[in-house]
Protein backbone atom coordinates (compact mmCIF):
# COMPACT_ATOMS: atom_id res chain seq x y z
CA MET A 1 -19.86 7.34 12.51
CA THR A 2 -17.74 4.73 14.44
CA ALA A 3 -16.51 5.41 17.83
CA VAL A 4 -12.67 3.33 17.16
CA GLN A 5 -11.11 4.53 20.50
CA ALA A 6 -12.33 6.96 23.19
CA ASP A 7 -10.53 9.44 21.60
CA LEU A 8 -11.41 8.84 17.97
CA ARG A 9 -14.31 7.78 15.68
CA ILE A 10 -14.59 7.19 12.09
CA ASP A 11 -16.71 8.82 9.39
CA ARG A 12 -17.10 9.64 5.47
CA PRO A 13 -14.31 12.20 4.51
CA GLU A 14 -15.36 15.63 3.81
CA VAL A 15 -14.07 18.47 1.27
CA ALA A 16 -12.30 20.15 3.99
CA ASP A 17 -10.06 17.19 5.07
CA GLY A 18 -8.37 16.61 1.32
CA ALA A 19 -5.22 18.54 2.53
CA ALA A 20 -5.12 16.73 5.66
CA LEU A 21 -4.80 13.65 3.99
CA TRP A 22 -2.72 15.13 1.64
CA ARG A 23 -0.59 16.01 4.98
CA ILE A 24 -0.76 12.37 5.89
CA ALA A 25 0.22 10.53 2.51
CA ARG A 26 2.97 13.47 2.01
CA ASP A 27 4.51 12.26 5.55
CA SER A 28 4.12 8.48 5.30
CA LYS A 29 7.11 8.83 2.60
CA VAL A 30 6.18 5.17 1.72
CA LEU A 31 2.55 6.34 -0.40
CA ASP A 32 2.49 7.53 -4.01
CA LEU A 33 1.92 11.16 -3.18
CA ASN A 34 -1.06 12.31 -5.44
CA SER A 35 -1.63 15.96 -5.98
CA SER A 36 -3.36 17.77 -3.37
CA TYR A 37 -6.14 18.21 -5.97
CA SER A 38 -6.99 14.66 -5.98
CA TYR A 39 -7.75 14.14 -2.63
CA LEU A 40 -10.25 17.61 -2.25
CA LEU A 41 -11.76 15.66 -5.59
CA TRP A 42 -11.09 12.38 -3.53
CA CYS A 43 -13.11 13.76 -0.53
CA ARG A 44 -15.63 15.54 -2.72
CA ASP A 45 -16.43 12.59 -5.03
CA PHE A 46 -15.46 9.24 -3.28
CA ALA A 47 -16.66 10.15 0.35
CA ALA A 48 -18.86 7.41 -0.07
CA THR A 49 -16.23 4.87 -0.26
CA SER A 50 -13.95 6.25 2.00
CA ALA A 51 -13.08 6.57 5.04
CA VAL A 52 -11.20 9.11 7.87
CA ALA A 53 -10.36 8.81 11.34
CA ARG A 54 -10.63 11.79 13.54
CA ASP A 55 -9.04 12.62 16.88
CA GLY A 56 -11.35 14.32 19.90
CA HIS A 57 -10.94 17.87 17.81
CA GLY A 58 -12.20 16.37 15.15
CA VAL A 59 -9.35 17.03 12.45
CA PRO A 60 -8.12 13.90 10.71
CA VAL A 61 -5.44 11.60 11.89
CA GLY A 62 -5.68 8.46 9.23
CA PHE A 63 -7.64 7.81 5.99
CA VAL A 64 -8.79 4.82 3.49
CA THR A 65 -9.94 6.04 -0.06
CA GLY A 66 -11.24 3.50 -2.08
CA TYR A 67 -13.96 3.39 -4.99
CA LEU A 68 -16.02 0.57 -6.53
CA ARG A 69 -14.72 -0.89 -9.56
CA PRO A 70 -16.57 -0.45 -12.70
CA ASP A 71 -16.43 -2.95 -13.99
CA ARG A 72 -17.50 -5.42 -10.83
CA PRO A 73 -19.88 -2.96 -8.76
CA ASP A 74 -19.14 -5.50 -5.82
CA THR A 75 -16.16 -4.83 -5.45
CA LEU A 76 -14.02 -2.27 -2.86
CA LEU A 77 -10.61 -1.01 -4.82
CA VAL A 78 -9.15 0.29 -1.63
CA TRP A 79 -6.40 2.80 -3.48
CA GLN A 80 -4.58 4.40 -0.16
CA VAL A 81 -4.39 3.86 3.60
CA ALA A 82 -2.43 5.80 5.62
CA VAL A 83 -2.36 6.86 8.78
CA ASP A 84 -0.46 9.83 11.45
CA GLU A 85 2.93 8.79 12.38
CA ALA A 86 1.24 9.61 16.29
CA TYR A 87 -1.41 7.57 15.92
CA ARG A 88 0.12 4.34 14.74
CA GLY A 89 0.12 1.03 16.22
CA ARG A 90 -3.14 1.60 17.55
CA LYS A 91 -4.69 -0.41 15.22
CA LEU A 92 -6.16 2.38 13.53
CA ALA A 93 -5.94 1.13 10.22
CA ALA A 94 -7.36 -2.20 10.33
CA SER A 95 -10.23 -0.13 12.03
CA LEU A 96 -10.57 2.02 8.95
CA LEU A 97 -10.48 -0.67 6.78
CA ASP A 98 -12.88 -2.92 8.67
CA GLU A 99 -15.63 0.26 9.01
CA LEU A 100 -15.71 0.89 5.41
CA ALA A 101 -15.32 -2.69 4.34
CA ALA A 102 -18.91 -2.81 6.43
CA ARG A 103 -20.19 0.11 5.35
CA THR A 104 -19.65 -0.66 1.36
CA ALA A 105 -21.24 -3.96 2.39
CA ALA A 106 -24.20 -2.54 3.76
CA GLU A 107 -24.43 0.86 1.51
CA PHE A 108 -23.33 -1.18 -1.81
CA GLY A 109 -23.64 -4.44 -1.88
CA THR A 110 -19.37 -4.94 -1.72
CA GLU A 111 -18.46 -8.87 -1.17
CA THR A 112 -15.18 -8.12 -2.55
CA VAL A 113 -12.10 -5.78 -1.31
CA GLU A 114 -8.43 -5.56 -3.90
CA THR A 115 -5.95 -3.57 -3.63
CA THR A 116 -2.14 -3.30 -4.96
CA ILE A 117 1.14 -3.64 -2.68
CA SER A 118 4.29 -3.61 -3.41
CA PRO A 119 6.67 -6.03 -2.52
CA ASP A 120 8.23 -4.17 -0.27
CA ASN A 121 5.20 -2.57 1.87
CA THR A 122 5.22 -4.99 4.58
CA ALA A 123 2.66 -2.63 6.46
CA SER A 124 -0.04 -3.34 3.97
CA GLN A 125 0.42 -7.08 3.43
CA ARG A 126 0.03 -7.82 7.14
CA LEU A 127 -2.59 -5.45 7.08
CA PHE A 128 -4.68 -6.74 4.57
CA THR A 129 -3.81 -10.95 4.79
CA SER A 130 -5.07 -10.13 8.58
CA PHE A 131 -8.11 -8.33 6.87
CA ALA A 132 -8.50 -11.64 5.30
CA GLU A 133 -8.40 -13.36 7.83
CA ARG A 134 -10.29 -11.68 10.33
CA HIS A 135 -13.11 -11.53 7.49
CA GLY A 136 -12.98 -15.30 6.82
CA ALA A 137 -12.42 -14.77 3.21
CA ARG A 138 -10.08 -16.47 0.97
CA LEU A 139 -7.15 -13.87 -0.32
CA GLU A 140 -5.60 -14.01 -4.02
CA ARG A 141 -2.28 -12.49 -5.19
CA GLU A 142 -1.15 -11.46 -8.42
CA VAL A 143 0.42 -9.23 -10.32
CA LEU A 144 -1.60 -6.40 -11.85
CA PHE A 145 1.03 -3.95 -12.90
CA ASP A 146 4.52 -5.23 -13.71
CA THR A 147 7.50 -2.74 -13.40
CA ASP A 148 8.44 -2.08 -16.93
CA LEU A 149 4.61 -0.14 -17.02
CA PHE A 150 5.56 2.49 -15.16
CA PRO A 151 6.95 5.05 -17.19
CA ASP A 152 8.35 7.94 -14.35
CA GLY A 153 11.64 5.58 -13.52
CA PRO A 154 12.13 2.44 -11.24
CA HIS A 155 9.09 1.42 -9.86
CA GLU A 156 8.36 -2.33 -7.77
CA PRO A 157 5.40 -4.10 -9.48
CA GLU A 158 2.09 -3.54 -7.93
CA VAL A 159 0.62 -6.88 -6.71
CA LEU A 160 -3.27 -7.56 -6.88
CA TYR A 161 -4.39 -8.44 -3.49
CA ARG A 162 -7.70 -10.02 -3.59
CA ILE A 163 -9.56 -10.85 -0.93
CA GLY A 164 -13.54 -12.11 -1.21
CA PRO A 165 -16.34 -13.44 -0.86
CA LEU A 166 -16.32 -11.56 2.60
CA THR A 167 -18.49 -13.38 4.96
CA THR A 168 -22.29 -12.17 5.71
CA ALA A 169 -20.99 -11.32 9.48
CA ALA A 170 -18.05 -10.03 7.88
CA ARG A 171 -20.30 -7.55 5.39
CA GLY A 172 -21.86 -5.92 8.93
């Protein structure tokens, strides 16, 4: 568990956090909202590769969900990043991402971070570009899933951001 600011701390999510993570994702109005059930499962099965920020009362106010890619176990794929509106502007998303990258590097030997970002999500583009800069890592971009692959209506392409290798110092 890491202190971010005097009133916030970052640690692993617990199953009981699933509902709060779902609400934060829903209220973001930019994330693809998964079922509430999936957030419960995520907090159970992927807690080691996810992070949650808690306020002084232990209530989740932000999160990063991720997993290790089965075919590349040295790669952390970041699924979603969200921060409660009341806590935005504090660089909390960056702190969550830094903490999770350091933890997975120490525990699993991850050297690369991947995520996908739609072209209109400039906040996520800035978050991951600045993450690469802070960690002295190369950033590569390529379209992973083009628009025509999505069966549920208009969807922007998902651009893969591959960041790595992370420097030894950046990995913890």
